[in-house]
Amino acid sequence: MSGFIVLLRHGIAEDRSEDKPDADRKLTDVGKRRMKKIAKTLARIFPEAEALYSSPLVRAVETSQAVEKAYGGEIRTETTELLEPGADVADFRRLLADTKSQFAIFVGHEPNLTEIMLDLTAMRSHNAIELKKGGCYGLRIEDNSILLEWMLPPRILREDE
């Protein structure tokens, strides 16, 4: 199998609070505005995307909706519990194996996305690596290997701010 996948962290969300479950936290106005720009840039640099998977948490779904719009509705979000916070890397490997598309975007959370990237690429990190909200990893899949091709912070993806 060959292809390319993007691991995208959700945008800036509401702060945690005791009166709102974590799963219900929405993107802030700033988070929505920034994700709109990030999604447009992602659609420009990764036009091949055929599939879009998202954690079912509200902030991730809202992020994936911005991506859908940037792709002109050509791809639709499929939510999966395998991208929820705390999901196991083995769960993601199963999701990836079951994915029929060669080019896909996965919207999720930290530290999960970094753990997935490190596992898939067989890289080890002695220092803390973390995607900022709205940042992403681009991974190239070639035969039996997966390579980190790029890591883009949100400010690069927003390019005009």
C-alpha atoms as a PDB file:
ATOM      1  CA  MET A   1       0.000   0.000   0.000  1.00  0.00           C
ATOM      2  CA  SER A   2       1.133   3.522  -0.680  1.00  0.00           C
ATOM      3  CA  GLY A   3      -0.483   6.819   0.167  1.00  0.00           C
ATOM      4  CA  PHE A   4      -0.391   9.829   2.423  1.00  0.00           C
ATOM      5  CA  ILE A   5      -2.226  10.678   5.648  1.00  0.00           C
ATOM      6  CA  VAL A   6      -2.572  13.834   7.700  1.00  0.00           C
ATOM      7  CA  LEU A   7      -3.009  13.813  11.476  1.00  0.00           C
ATOM      8  CA  LEU A   8      -4.723  17.117  12.344  1.00  0.00           C
ATOM      9  CA  ARG A   9      -5.244  18.401  15.866  1.00  0.00           C
ATOM     10  CA  HIS A  10      -8.560  20.135  16.531  1.00  0.00           C
ATOM     11  CA  GLY A  11      -8.701  23.920  16.787  1.00  0.00           C
ATOM     12  CA  ILE A  12      -8.769  26.140  19.878  1.00  0.00           C
ATOM     13  CA  ALA A  13     -11.649  25.046  22.100  1.00  0.00           C
ATOM     14  CA  GLU A  14     -13.529  26.377  25.096  1.00  0.00           C
ATOM     15  CA  ASP A  15     -11.731  26.022  28.410  1.00  0.00           C
ATOM     16  CA  ARG A  16     -12.467  23.033  30.585  1.00  0.00           C
ATOM     17  CA  SER A  17     -15.106  23.638  33.222  1.00  0.00           C
ATOM     18  CA  GLU A  18     -16.970  21.613  35.815  1.00  0.00           C
ATOM     19  CA  ASP A  19     -20.369  22.468  34.316  1.00  0.00           C
ATOM     20  CA  LYS A  20     -19.564  21.237  30.777  1.00  0.00           C
ATOM     21  CA  PRO A  21     -18.430  17.721  29.879  1.00  0.00           C
ATOM     22  CA  ASP A  22     -15.111  17.607  28.021  1.00  0.00           C
ATOM     23  CA  ALA A  23     -16.784  15.936  25.033  1.00  0.00           C
ATOM     24  CA  ASP A  24     -19.105  18.949  24.603  1.00  0.00           C
ATOM     25  CA  ARG A  25     -16.432  21.653  24.460  1.00  0.00           C
ATOM     26  CA  LYS A  26     -16.818  23.672  21.240  1.00  0.00           C
ATOM     27  CA  LEU A  27     -14.317  25.644  19.201  1.00  0.00           C
ATOM     28  CA  THR A  28     -14.064  29.262  20.293  1.00  0.00           C
ATOM     29  CA  ASP A  29     -14.754  32.043  17.788  1.00  0.00           C
ATOM     30  CA  VAL A  30     -10.993  32.437  17.354  1.00  0.00           C
ATOM     31  CA  GLY A  31     -10.688  28.655  16.952  1.00  0.00           C
ATOM     32  CA  LYS A  32     -13.362  28.616  14.222  1.00  0.00           C
ATOM     33  CA  ARG A  33     -11.808  31.539  12.355  1.00  0.00           C
ATOM     34  CA  ARG A  34      -8.324  30.026  12.486  1.00  0.00           C
ATOM     35  CA  MET A  35      -9.511  26.550  11.504  1.00  0.00           C
ATOM     36  CA  LYS A  36     -11.221  27.996   8.449  1.00  0.00           C
ATOM     37  CA  LYS A  37      -7.849  29.387   7.289  1.00  0.00           C
ATOM     38  CA  ILE A  38      -5.956  26.236   8.266  1.00  0.00           C
ATOM     39  CA  ALA A  39      -8.449  24.059   6.385  1.00  0.00           C
ATOM     40  CA  LYS A  40      -8.125  26.175   3.229  1.00  0.00           C
ATOM     41  CA  THR A  41      -4.345  25.824   3.302  1.00  0.00           C
ATOM     42  CA  LEU A  42      -4.609  22.098   3.975  1.00  0.00           C
ATOM     43  CA  ALA A  43      -6.913  21.694   0.964  1.00  0.00           C
ATOM     44  CA  ARG A  44      -4.360  23.546  -1.157  1.00  0.00           C
ATOM     45  CA  ILE A  45      -1.310  21.525  -0.048  1.00  0.00           C
ATOM     46  CA  PHE A  46      -3.131  18.161   0.164  1.00  0.00           C
ATOM     47  CA  PRO A  47      -5.716  18.214  -2.657  1.00  0.00           C
ATOM     48  CA  GLU A  48      -5.647  14.402  -2.969  1.00  0.00           C
ATOM     49  CA  ALA A  49      -7.621  13.837   0.265  1.00  0.00           C
ATOM     50  CA  GLU A  50     -10.339  11.241  -0.271  1.00  0.00           C
ATOM     51  CA  ALA A  51     -11.467  10.561   3.271  1.00  0.00           C
ATOM     52  CA  LEU A  52     -11.912  12.459   6.531  1.00  0.00           C
ATOM     53  CA  TYR A  53     -12.146  10.782   9.938  1.00  0.00           C
ATOM     54  CA  SER A  54     -12.811  12.586  13.202  1.00  0.00           C
ATOM     55  CA  SER A  55     -13.067  12.008  16.895  1.00  0.00           C
ATOM     56  CA  PRO A  56     -16.734  12.362  17.893  1.00  0.00           C
ATOM     57  CA  LEU A  57     -15.931  15.105  20.425  1.00  0.00           C
ATOM     58  CA  VAL A  58     -17.576  18.395  19.432  1.00  0.00           C
ATOM     59  CA  ARG A  59     -14.353  20.375  18.962  1.00  0.00           C
ATOM     60  CA  ALA A  60     -12.955  17.723  16.601  1.00  0.00           C
ATOM     61  CA  VAL A  61     -16.211  17.463  14.632  1.00  0.00           C
ATOM     62  CA  GLU A  62     -16.302  21.262  14.235  1.00  0.00           C
ATOM     63  CA  THR A  63     -12.693  21.131  13.014  1.00  0.00           C
ATOM     64  CA  SER A  64     -13.556  18.433  10.473  1.00  0.00           C
ATOM     65  CA  GLN A  65     -16.561  20.474   9.292  1.00  0.00           C
ATOM     66  CA  ALA A  66     -14.184  23.336   8.460  1.00  0.00           C
ATOM     67  CA  VAL A  67     -12.079  20.856   6.490  1.00  0.00           C
ATOM     68  CA  GLU A  68     -15.163  19.582   4.622  1.00  0.00           C
ATOM     69  CA  LYS A  69     -16.023  23.139   3.584  1.00  0.00           C
ATOM     70  CA  ALA A  70     -12.467  23.843   2.445  1.00  0.00           C
ATOM     71  CA  TYR A  71     -12.646  20.781   0.194  1.00  0.00           C
ATOM     72  CA  GLY A  72     -15.919  22.028  -1.288  1.00  0.00           C
ATOM     73  CA  GLY A  73     -17.908  19.158   0.186  1.00  0.00           C
ATOM     74  CA  GLU A  74     -15.902  16.615  -1.840  1.00  0.00           C
ATOM     75  CA  ILE A  75     -15.092  14.670   1.337  1.00  0.00           C
ATOM     76  CA  ARG A  76     -17.385  13.936   4.269  1.00  0.00           C
ATOM     77  CA  THR A  77     -16.559  13.323   7.909  1.00  0.00           C
ATOM     78  CA  GLU A  78     -16.828   9.869   9.376  1.00  0.00           C
ATOM     79  CA  THR A  79     -16.650   9.981  13.167  1.00  0.00           C
ATOM     80  CA  THR A  80     -14.931   7.199  15.044  1.00  0.00           C
ATOM     81  CA  GLU A  81     -14.283   6.484  18.714  1.00  0.00           C
ATOM     82  CA  LEU A  82     -10.824   5.282  17.636  1.00  0.00           C
ATOM     83  CA  LEU A  83      -9.734   8.953  17.530  1.00  0.00           C
ATOM     84  CA  GLU A  84     -11.084   9.923  20.975  1.00  0.00           C
ATOM     85  CA  PRO A  85      -8.671  11.096  23.683  1.00  0.00           C
ATOM     86  CA  GLY A  86      -7.059   8.087  25.282  1.00  0.00           C
ATOM     87  CA  ALA A  87      -7.664   5.769  22.318  1.00  0.00           C
ATOM     88  CA  ASP A  88      -4.943   3.182  21.860  1.00  0.00           C
ATOM     89  CA  VAL A  89      -2.400   3.351  19.025  1.00  0.00           C
ATOM     90  CA  ALA A  90      -3.376  -0.223  18.114  1.00  0.00           C
ATOM     91  CA  ASP A  91      -6.935   1.051  17.568  1.00  0.00           C
ATOM     92  CA  PHE A  92      -5.620   3.638  15.113  1.00  0.00           C
ATOM     93  CA  ARG A  93      -3.596   0.998  13.292  1.00  0.00           C
ATOM     94  CA  ARG A  94      -6.825  -1.013  12.831  1.00  0.00           C
ATOM     95  CA  LEU A  95      -8.631   2.098  11.561  1.00  0.00           C
ATOM     96  CA  LEU A  96      -5.812   2.800   9.108  1.00  0.00           C
ATOM     97  CA  ALA A  97      -5.799  -0.826   7.908  1.00  0.00           C
ATOM     98  CA  ASP A  98      -9.577  -0.686   7.348  1.00  0.00           C
ATOM     99  CA  THR A  99      -9.395   2.633   5.478  1.00  0.00           C
ATOM    100  CA  LYS A 100     -10.015   2.091   1.778  1.00  0.00           C
ATOM    101  CA  SER A 101      -8.574   5.491   0.816  1.00  0.00           C
ATOM    102  CA  GLN A 102      -4.909   6.077   0.039  1.00  0.00           C
ATOM    103  CA  PHE A 103      -5.166   9.746   1.026  1.00  0.00           C
ATOM    104  CA  ALA A 104      -6.925  10.581   4.297  1.00  0.00           C
ATOM    105  CA  ILE A 105      -7.142  13.164   7.068  1.00  0.00           C
ATOM    106  CA  PHE A 106      -7.621  12.147  10.694  1.00  0.00           C
ATOM    107  CA  VAL A 107      -8.804  14.797  13.184  1.00  0.00           C
ATOM    108  CA  GLY A 108      -8.022  14.101  16.801  1.00  0.00           C
ATOM    109  CA  HIS A 109      -6.384  15.128  20.051  1.00  0.00           C
ATOM    110  CA  GLU A 110      -3.044  15.359  21.792  1.00  0.00           C
ATOM    111  CA  PRO A 111      -1.116  13.505  23.041  1.00  0.00           C
ATOM    112  CA  ASN A 112      -2.772  10.762  20.944  1.00  0.00           C
ATOM    113  CA  LEU A 113      -1.772  12.151  17.534  1.00  0.00           C
ATOM    114  CA  THR A 114       1.898  12.461  18.490  1.00  0.00           C
ATOM    115  CA  GLU A 115       1.868   8.965  19.989  1.00  0.00           C
ATOM    116  CA  ILE A 116       0.342   7.657  16.739  1.00  0.00           C
ATOM    117  CA  MET A 117       2.932   9.470  14.606  1.00  0.00           C
ATOM    118  CA  LEU A 118       5.833   8.183  16.703  1.00  0.00           C
ATOM    119  CA  ASP A 119       4.485   4.620  16.634  1.00  0.00           C
ATOM    120  CA  LEU A 120       3.748   4.547  12.897  1.00  0.00           C
ATOM    121  CA  THR A 121       7.136   5.996  11.971  1.00  0.00           C
ATOM    122  CA  ALA A 122       9.027   3.925  14.570  1.00  0.00           C
ATOM    123  CA  MET A 123      10.560   7.145  15.845  1.00  0.00           C
ATOM    124  CA  ARG A 124      11.444   7.713  19.468  1.00  0.00           C
ATOM    125  CA  SER A 125      11.356  11.072  21.172  1.00  0.00           C
ATOM    126  CA  HIS A 126      13.426  11.960  24.209  1.00  0.00           C
ATOM    127  CA  ASN A 127      11.964  15.462  24.205  1.00  0.00           C
ATOM    128  CA  ALA A 128       8.334  16.409  24.378  1.00  0.00           C
ATOM    129  CA  ILE A 129       6.817  16.798  20.921  1.00  0.00           C
ATOM    130  CA  GLU A 130       3.337  18.207  20.732  1.00  0.00           C
ATOM    131  CA  LEU A 131       1.097  19.531  18.015  1.00  0.00           C
ATOM    132  CA  LYS A 132      -0.384  22.908  18.762  1.00  0.00           C
ATOM    133  CA  LYS A 133      -4.124  23.222  18.224  1.00  0.00           C
ATOM    134  CA  GLY A 134      -4.673  23.286  14.463  1.00  0.00           C
ATOM    135  CA  GLY A 135      -1.251  21.801  13.698  1.00  0.00           C
ATOM    136  CA  CYS A 136      -0.716  18.618  11.721  1.00  0.00           C
ATOM    137  CA  TYR A 137       1.660  15.827  10.738  1.00  0.00           C
ATOM    138  CA  GLY A 138       1.962  14.628   7.140  1.00  0.00           C
ATOM    139  CA  LEU A 139       2.900  10.957   6.835  1.00  0.00           C
ATOM    140  CA  ARG A 140       3.897   9.197   3.618  1.00  0.00           C
ATOM    141  CA  ILE A 141       3.064   5.502   3.379  1.00  0.00           C
ATOM    142  CA  GLU A 142       5.334   3.509   1.056  1.00  0.00           C
ATOM    143  CA  ASP A 143       5.141  -0.270   0.957  1.00  0.00           C
ATOM    144  CA  ASN A 144       5.779  -1.356   4.551  1.00  0.00           C
ATOM    145  CA  SER A 145       7.147   1.909   5.898  1.00  0.00           C
ATOM    146  CA  ILE A 146       5.596   5.145   7.094  1.00  0.00           C
ATOM    147  CA  LEU A 147       7.693   8.309   7.048  1.00  0.00           C
ATOM    148  CA  LEU A 148       7.110  11.681   8.654  1.00  0.00           C
ATOM    149  CA  GLU A 149       7.269  14.040   5.699  1.00  0.00           C
ATOM    150  CA  TRP A 150       6.297  17.235   7.529  1.00  0.00           C
ATOM    151  CA  MET A 151       5.020  18.760  10.735  1.00  0.00           C
ATOM    152  CA  LEU A 152       3.218  22.067  10.278  1.00  0.00           C
ATOM    153  CA  PRO A 153       2.336  24.417  13.126  1.00  0.00           C
ATOM    154  CA  PRO A 154      -0.938  26.324  12.860  1.00  0.00           C
ATOM    155  CA  ARG A 155       0.710  29.706  12.270  1.00  0.00           C
ATOM    156  CA  ILE A 156       2.273  28.381   9.054  1.00  0.00           C
ATOM    157  CA  LEU A 157      -1.068  26.948   7.928  1.00  0.00           C
ATOM    158  CA  ARG A 158      -2.803  30.276   8.654  1.00  0.00           C
ATOM    159  CA  GLU A 159      -0.133  31.970   6.511  1.00  0.00           C
ATOM    160  CA  ASP A 160      -1.799  35.411   6.303  1.00  0.00           C
ATOM    161  CA  GLU A 161      -1.987  36.242  10.013  1.00  0.00           C
END
